[in-house]
């Protein structure tokens, strides 16, 4: 494992966070291996309305129910030769499975659009919702809508997670960013983290998040990644640790000069550490 530290800031500039690069195994960006080098749709901005996710989630639930029903239809009669009530029991189980799935999607939609989380986080954004996001993404790939559906799913996840109103200490928050940010975006992240005194870790490989979290033991994470890597990261980490995930715009394609919403990042960091940083005034500013 290699560590590289960078703390370069003019004496009169705003405080900047310490930037720590850690190189481990699985590389980020592997989800884009099939990219053909052409410009991405919408200039690499995959913003989408939440309704897109719920439509594909409904399609996913319908497909899962149909697959289970088909399996029971095929194997039920054969199992019935062993014990007559088996087919009936299986069909009741299929019905219960379908009802639970549709009920969960309904509660999820009511929570999101109603402005109030109706279930605890272990049963929502840090529980079954992570699996629903994953399976819905698989279905969306078949329709060429993967990135848009994933963006909508991440937005819904963030809304639900942010409503919890979690607060942590400055030393208990971690900011994770990829190495593909543009210089402007990177400088902005470092300035924000510096104002709130939180460390910034650059992910050069995908296993970074798990290793850093094991070593630093934070109580919350603000992570930056494209939709595809964010989905993987949330699936790996969000069930164990509160995470807010900020997606990027990719104007020059994946893994290069990515941009992000710095105002949104600052709102999240400020909300989590629970205080307002004082911006440094220029030395030659006139006295009031």
Protein backbone atom coordinates (compact mmCIF):
# COMPACT_ATOMS: atom_id res chain seq x y z
CA UNK A 1 0.00 0.00 0.00
CA UNK A 2 1.34 3.41 -0.97
CA UNK A 3 0.55 6.70 0.78
CA UNK A 4 1.09 10.10 -0.81
CA UNK A 5 0.34 13.31 1.05
CA UNK A 6 -0.27 16.67 -0.60
CA UNK A 7 -0.72 19.89 1.38
CA UNK A 8 -0.06 22.74 -0.99
CA UNK A 9 -1.86 26.02 -0.36
CA UNK A 10 -0.74 29.64 -0.41
CA UNK A 11 -0.44 31.21 3.06
CA UNK A 12 -3.31 33.60 2.40
CA UNK A 13 -5.72 31.08 0.86
CA UNK A 14 -8.65 29.41 2.60
CA UNK A 15 -7.70 26.31 4.63
CA UNK A 16 -7.47 23.14 2.54
CA UNK A 17 -7.91 19.59 3.69
CA UNK A 18 -5.13 17.05 3.68
CA UNK A 19 -5.36 14.92 0.55
CA UNK A 20 -4.40 11.27 1.03
CA UNK A 21 -3.95 8.85 -1.88
CA UNK A 22 -4.17 5.16 -1.07
CA UNK A 23 -3.52 2.57 -3.77
CA UNK A 24 -4.93 -0.91 -3.27
CA UNK A 25 -6.45 -3.59 -5.51
CA UNK A 26 -9.71 -3.33 -7.51
CA UNK A 27 -9.57 -0.27 -9.72
CA UNK A 28 -12.35 2.24 -10.04
CA UNK A 29 -13.89 2.72 -13.46
CA UNK A 30 -14.05 -0.97 -14.30
CA UNK A 31 -17.80 -0.54 -14.87
CA UNK A 32 -16.91 1.53 -17.97
CA UNK A 33 -14.69 -1.06 -19.66
CA UNK A 34 -17.14 -1.32 -22.57
CA UNK A 35 -17.07 2.44 -23.27
CA UNK A 36 -16.33 3.04 -26.98
CA UNK A 37 -14.68 6.45 -26.53
CA UNK A 38 -17.58 8.44 -27.94
CA UNK A 39 -19.13 11.39 -26.03
CA UNK A 40 -21.58 10.27 -23.36
CA UNK A 41 -25.28 11.17 -23.70
CA UNK A 42 -26.17 14.56 -22.27
CA UNK A 43 -22.53 15.48 -21.82
CA UNK A 44 -22.16 12.86 -19.12
CA UNK A 45 -25.02 14.21 -17.01
CA UNK A 46 -27.44 11.39 -16.21
CA UNK A 47 -29.86 13.38 -14.04
CA UNK A 48 -33.31 11.79 -13.98
CA UNK A 49 -36.58 12.24 -12.13
CA UNK A 50 -37.26 9.86 -9.21
CA UNK A 51 -40.31 8.53 -11.01
CA UNK A 52 -38.02 6.78 -13.50
CA UNK A 53 -36.63 4.59 -10.75
CA UNK A 54 -40.07 3.73 -9.38
CA UNK A 55 -41.29 2.73 -12.84
CA UNK A 56 -38.35 0.38 -13.31
CA UNK A 57 -38.67 -0.87 -9.71
CA UNK A 58 -42.28 -1.84 -10.49
CA UNK A 59 -41.08 -3.63 -13.62
CA UNK A 60 -38.41 -5.41 -11.56
CA UNK A 61 -40.94 -6.58 -8.97
CA UNK A 62 -43.27 -7.81 -11.72
CA UNK A 63 -40.41 -9.68 -13.41
CA UNK A 64 -39.28 -11.27 -10.12
CA UNK A 65 -42.83 -12.37 -9.30
CA UNK A 66 -43.29 -13.83 -12.79
CA UNK A 67 -39.99 -15.73 -12.56
CA UNK A 68 -40.92 -17.27 -9.21
CA UNK A 69 -44.40 -18.12 -10.44
CA UNK A 70 -42.95 -19.81 -13.52
CA UNK A 71 -40.63 -21.88 -11.35
CA UNK A 72 -43.52 -23.01 -9.14
CA UNK A 73 -45.58 -23.80 -12.23
CA UNK A 74 -42.81 -26.04 -13.55
CA UNK A 75 -41.82 -27.85 -10.38
CA UNK A 76 -45.08 -27.73 -8.40
CA UNK A 77 -46.80 -30.75 -10.02
CA UNK A 78 -43.70 -32.90 -9.61
CA UNK A 79 -43.40 -31.96 -5.93
CA UNK A 80 -47.11 -32.65 -5.55
CA UNK A 81 -46.46 -36.32 -6.28
CA UNK A 82 -44.40 -36.42 -3.08
CA UNK A 83 -46.96 -34.61 -0.95
CA UNK A 84 -50.29 -33.39 -2.34
CA UNK A 85 -50.51 -30.02 -0.45
CA UNK A 86 -47.08 -28.83 -1.72
CA UNK A 87 -48.31 -27.01 -4.90
CA UNK A 88 -50.95 -25.13 -2.94
CA UNK A 89 -48.43 -24.11 -0.27
CA UNK A 90 -46.03 -22.92 -2.93
CA UNK A 91 -48.67 -20.78 -4.66
CA UNK A 92 -49.63 -19.21 -1.34
CA UNK A 93 -45.95 -18.42 -0.81
CA UNK A 94 -45.73 -16.84 -4.28
CA UNK A 95 -48.75 -14.68 -3.48
CA UNK A 96 -47.26 -13.59 -0.15
CA UNK A 97 -43.95 -12.86 -1.88
CA UNK A 98 -45.67 -10.64 -4.44
CA UNK A 99 -47.74 -8.78 -1.83
CA UNK A 100 -44.67 -8.06 0.31
CA UNK A 101 -42.71 -6.74 -2.67
CA UNK A 102 -45.49 -4.44 -3.87
CA UNK A 103 -46.18 -3.28 -0.32
CA UNK A 104 -42.53 -2.38 0.15
CA UNK A 105 -42.35 -0.40 -3.10
CA UNK A 106 -45.55 1.38 -2.09
CA UNK A 107 -44.21 2.30 1.35
CA UNK A 108 -40.94 3.43 -0.24
CA UNK A 109 -42.76 5.69 -2.70
CA UNK A 110 -45.03 7.06 0.04
CA UNK A 111 -41.98 7.81 2.19
CA UNK A 112 -40.13 9.59 -0.58
CA UNK A 113 -43.00 11.65 -2.00
CA UNK A 114 -44.70 12.16 1.36
CA UNK A 115 -41.64 13.73 2.97
CA UNK A 116 -41.55 11.38 5.96
CA UNK A 117 -39.64 8.09 6.31
CA UNK A 118 -42.22 5.46 7.27
CA UNK A 119 -39.67 2.76 8.13
CA UNK A 120 -36.43 2.72 10.15
CA UNK A 121 -33.21 3.00 8.14
CA UNK A 122 -32.43 -0.72 8.52
CA UNK A 123 -35.64 -1.50 6.65
CA UNK A 124 -35.24 1.28 4.12
CA UNK A 125 -32.14 3.04 2.75
CA UNK A 126 -29.68 0.85 4.69
CA UNK A 127 -31.62 -2.38 4.16
CA UNK A 128 -33.80 -3.88 1.41
CA UNK A 129 -33.65 -0.71 -0.69
CA UNK A 130 -30.00 -1.40 -1.49
CA UNK A 131 -30.97 -4.75 -3.00
CA UNK A 132 -33.91 -3.20 -4.85
CA UNK A 133 -31.53 -0.62 -6.34
CA UNK A 134 -29.20 -3.39 -7.49
CA UNK A 135 -31.85 -5.57 -9.15
CA UNK A 136 -33.57 -2.56 -10.72
CA UNK A 137 -30.24 -1.55 -12.23
CA UNK A 138 -29.91 -4.99 -13.82
CA UNK A 139 -33.34 -4.65 -15.41
CA UNK A 140 -32.61 -1.09 -16.59
CA UNK A 141 -29.49 -2.30 -18.44
CA UNK A 142 -31.68 -4.36 -20.75
CA UNK A 143 -33.47 -1.15 -21.80
CA UNK A 144 -30.33 0.99 -22.13
CA UNK A 145 -31.38 3.16 -19.17
CA UNK A 146 -28.89 1.98 -16.58
CA UNK A 147 -27.16 5.28 -15.74
CA UNK A 148 -30.36 7.33 -15.57
CA UNK A 149 -32.15 4.78 -13.38
CA UNK A 150 -29.12 4.51 -11.11
CA UNK A 151 -28.94 8.30 -10.79
CA UNK A 152 -32.61 8.45 -9.79
CA UNK A 153 -32.11 5.58 -7.33
CA UNK A 154 -29.15 7.34 -5.70
CA UNK A 155 -31.11 10.59 -5.42
CA UNK A 156 -33.91 8.74 -3.64
CA UNK A 157 -31.41 7.03 -1.36
CA UNK A 158 -29.79 10.37 -0.45
CA UNK A 159 -33.15 12.00 0.28
CA UNK A 160 -34.14 9.21 2.64
CA UNK A 161 -30.73 9.16 4.34
CA UNK A 162 -30.50 12.95 4.71
CA UNK A 163 -33.87 13.09 6.48
CA UNK A 164 -32.42 11.11 9.38
CA UNK A 165 -30.69 14.31 10.50
CA UNK A 166 -27.53 12.49 11.54
CA UNK A 167 -24.77 14.47 13.30
CA UNK A 168 -21.17 13.38 13.82
CA UNK A 169 -17.96 14.96 15.07
CA UNK A 170 -15.40 16.46 12.68
CA UNK A 171 -13.08 13.51 13.26
CA UNK A 172 -15.89 11.04 12.63
CA UNK A 173 -16.70 12.09 9.06
CA UNK A 174 -14.82 10.85 6.00
CA UNK A 175 -14.89 12.28 2.46
CA UNK A 176 -14.07 9.78 -0.29
CA UNK A 177 -13.41 11.03 -3.84
CA UNK A 178 -12.19 9.42 -7.08
CA UNK A 179 -8.96 10.42 -8.81
CA UNK A 180 -10.80 11.49 -11.98
CA UNK A 181 -12.04 14.87 -10.69
CA UNK A 182 -11.11 17.98 -12.63
CA UNK A 183 -8.62 20.31 -10.95
CA UNK A 184 -11.36 22.82 -10.26
CA UNK A 185 -13.57 20.19 -8.62
CA UNK A 186 -10.67 18.80 -6.58
CA UNK A 187 -9.68 22.26 -5.34
CA UNK A 188 -13.29 22.90 -4.36
CA UNK A 189 -13.54 19.65 -2.41
CA UNK A 190 -10.30 20.36 -0.55
CA UNK A 191 -11.44 23.87 0.38
CA UNK A 192 -14.75 22.59 1.72
CA UNK A 193 -13.12 19.79 3.68
CA UNK A 194 -10.52 22.21 5.00
CA UNK A 195 -13.16 24.61 6.29
CA UNK A 196 -14.89 21.83 8.21
CA UNK A 197 -11.68 20.02 9.19
CA UNK A 198 -12.54 16.64 7.70
CA UNK A 199 -10.05 14.36 5.89
CA UNK A 200 -10.29 13.63 2.17
CA UNK A 201 -9.22 10.27 0.76
CA UNK A 202 -8.66 9.69 -2.95
CA UNK A 203 -9.78 6.30 -4.20
CA UNK A 204 -7.42 4.90 -6.78
CA UNK A 205 -8.84 1.39 -6.46
CA UNK A 206 -12.27 0.10 -5.53
CA UNK A 207 -11.36 -1.70 -2.31
CA UNK A 208 -10.21 1.62 -0.86
CA UNK A 209 -13.55 2.44 0.74
CA UNK A 210 -13.71 -0.74 2.77
CA UNK A 211 -10.07 -0.54 3.86
CA UNK A 212 -10.19 3.13 4.81
CA UNK A 213 -13.42 2.61 6.73
CA UNK A 214 -11.92 -0.32 8.64
CA UNK A 215 -8.85 1.72 9.56
CA UNK A 216 -10.45 5.12 10.25
CA UNK A 217 -13.72 3.84 11.76
CA UNK A 218 -15.82 6.88 10.78
CA UNK A 219 -19.43 7.29 11.82
CA UNK A 220 -20.50 8.70 8.42
CA UNK A 221 -19.14 9.04 4.87
CA UNK A 222 -19.67 11.52 2.05
CA UNK A 223 -18.64 9.72 -1.14
CA UNK A 224 -18.18 11.05 -4.67
CA UNK A 225 -18.36 8.74 -7.71
CA UNK A 226 -20.11 8.18 -11.01
CA UNK A 227 -23.45 6.37 -10.87
CA UNK A 228 -21.97 2.96 -11.64
CA UNK A 229 -19.22 3.06 -9.03
CA UNK A 230 -21.58 4.68 -6.52
CA UNK A 231 -24.01 1.79 -6.82
CA UNK A 232 -21.20 -0.67 -6.09
CA UNK A 233 -19.96 1.41 -3.16
CA UNK A 234 -23.40 1.80 -1.60
CA UNK A 235 -24.05 -1.91 -1.90
CA UNK A 236 -20.72 -2.65 -0.18
CA UNK A 237 -20.77 0.01 2.54
CA UNK A 238 -24.15 1.67 3.15
CA UNK A 239 -25.59 -1.32 4.98
CA UNK A 240 -22.88 -1.03 7.60
CA UNK A 241 -22.31 2.73 7.75
CA UNK A 242 -24.36 5.88 6.95
CA UNK A 243 -23.32 7.23 3.54
CA UNK A 244 -24.35 10.18 1.38
CA UNK A 245 -23.41 9.64 -2.27
CA UNK A 246 -22.72 12.57 -4.60
CA UNK A 247 -22.74 11.65 -8.29
CA UNK A 248 -20.60 13.44 -10.90
CA UNK A 249 -20.98 14.82 -14.42
CA UNK A 250 -18.64 13.32 -17.03
CA UNK A 251 -18.25 15.92 -19.81
CA UNK A 252 -15.10 14.24 -21.19
CA UNK A 253 -16.19 10.65 -20.69
CA UNK A 254 -15.68 8.36 -17.71
CA UNK A 255 -12.64 8.59 -15.44
CA UNK A 256 -11.47 12.03 -16.67
CA UNK A 257 -12.09 15.66 -15.61
CA UNK A 258 -15.30 14.88 -13.75
CA UNK A 259 -17.34 17.72 -12.25
CA UNK A 260 -19.61 17.79 -9.22
CA UNK A 261 -22.03 19.99 -7.29
CA UNK A 262 -19.76 21.60 -4.67
CA UNK A 263 -22.67 23.45 -3.04
CA UNK A 264 -24.42 20.14 -2.40
CA UNK A 265 -21.25 18.67 -0.93
CA UNK A 266 -20.84 21.61 1.44
CA UNK A 267 -24.46 21.35 2.58
CA UNK A 268 -23.96 17.69 3.40
CA UNK A 269 -20.65 18.17 5.20
CA UNK A 270 -21.99 21.14 7.14
CA UNK A 271 -25.13 19.23 8.09
CA UNK A 272 -23.23 16.17 9.27
CA UNK A 273 -20.64 17.96 11.41
CA UNK A 274 -23.28 20.37 12.66
CA UNK A 275 -21.52 23.71 12.51
CA UNK A 276 -21.03 26.58 10.09
CA UNK A 277 -17.43 27.24 9.06
CA UNK A 278 -16.14 30.81 9.06
CA UNK A 279 -14.80 31.81 5.67
CA UNK A 280 -11.41 33.48 5.84
CA UNK A 281 -11.40 37.17 4.94
CA UNK A 282 -8.63 38.63 2.77
CA UNK A 283 -5.82 40.21 4.76
CA UNK A 284 -6.29 43.63 3.11
CA UNK A 285 -10.06 43.77 3.65
CA UNK A 286 -11.14 47.13 5.11
CA UNK A 287 -12.31 47.16 8.69
CA UNK A 288 -16.03 47.67 9.15
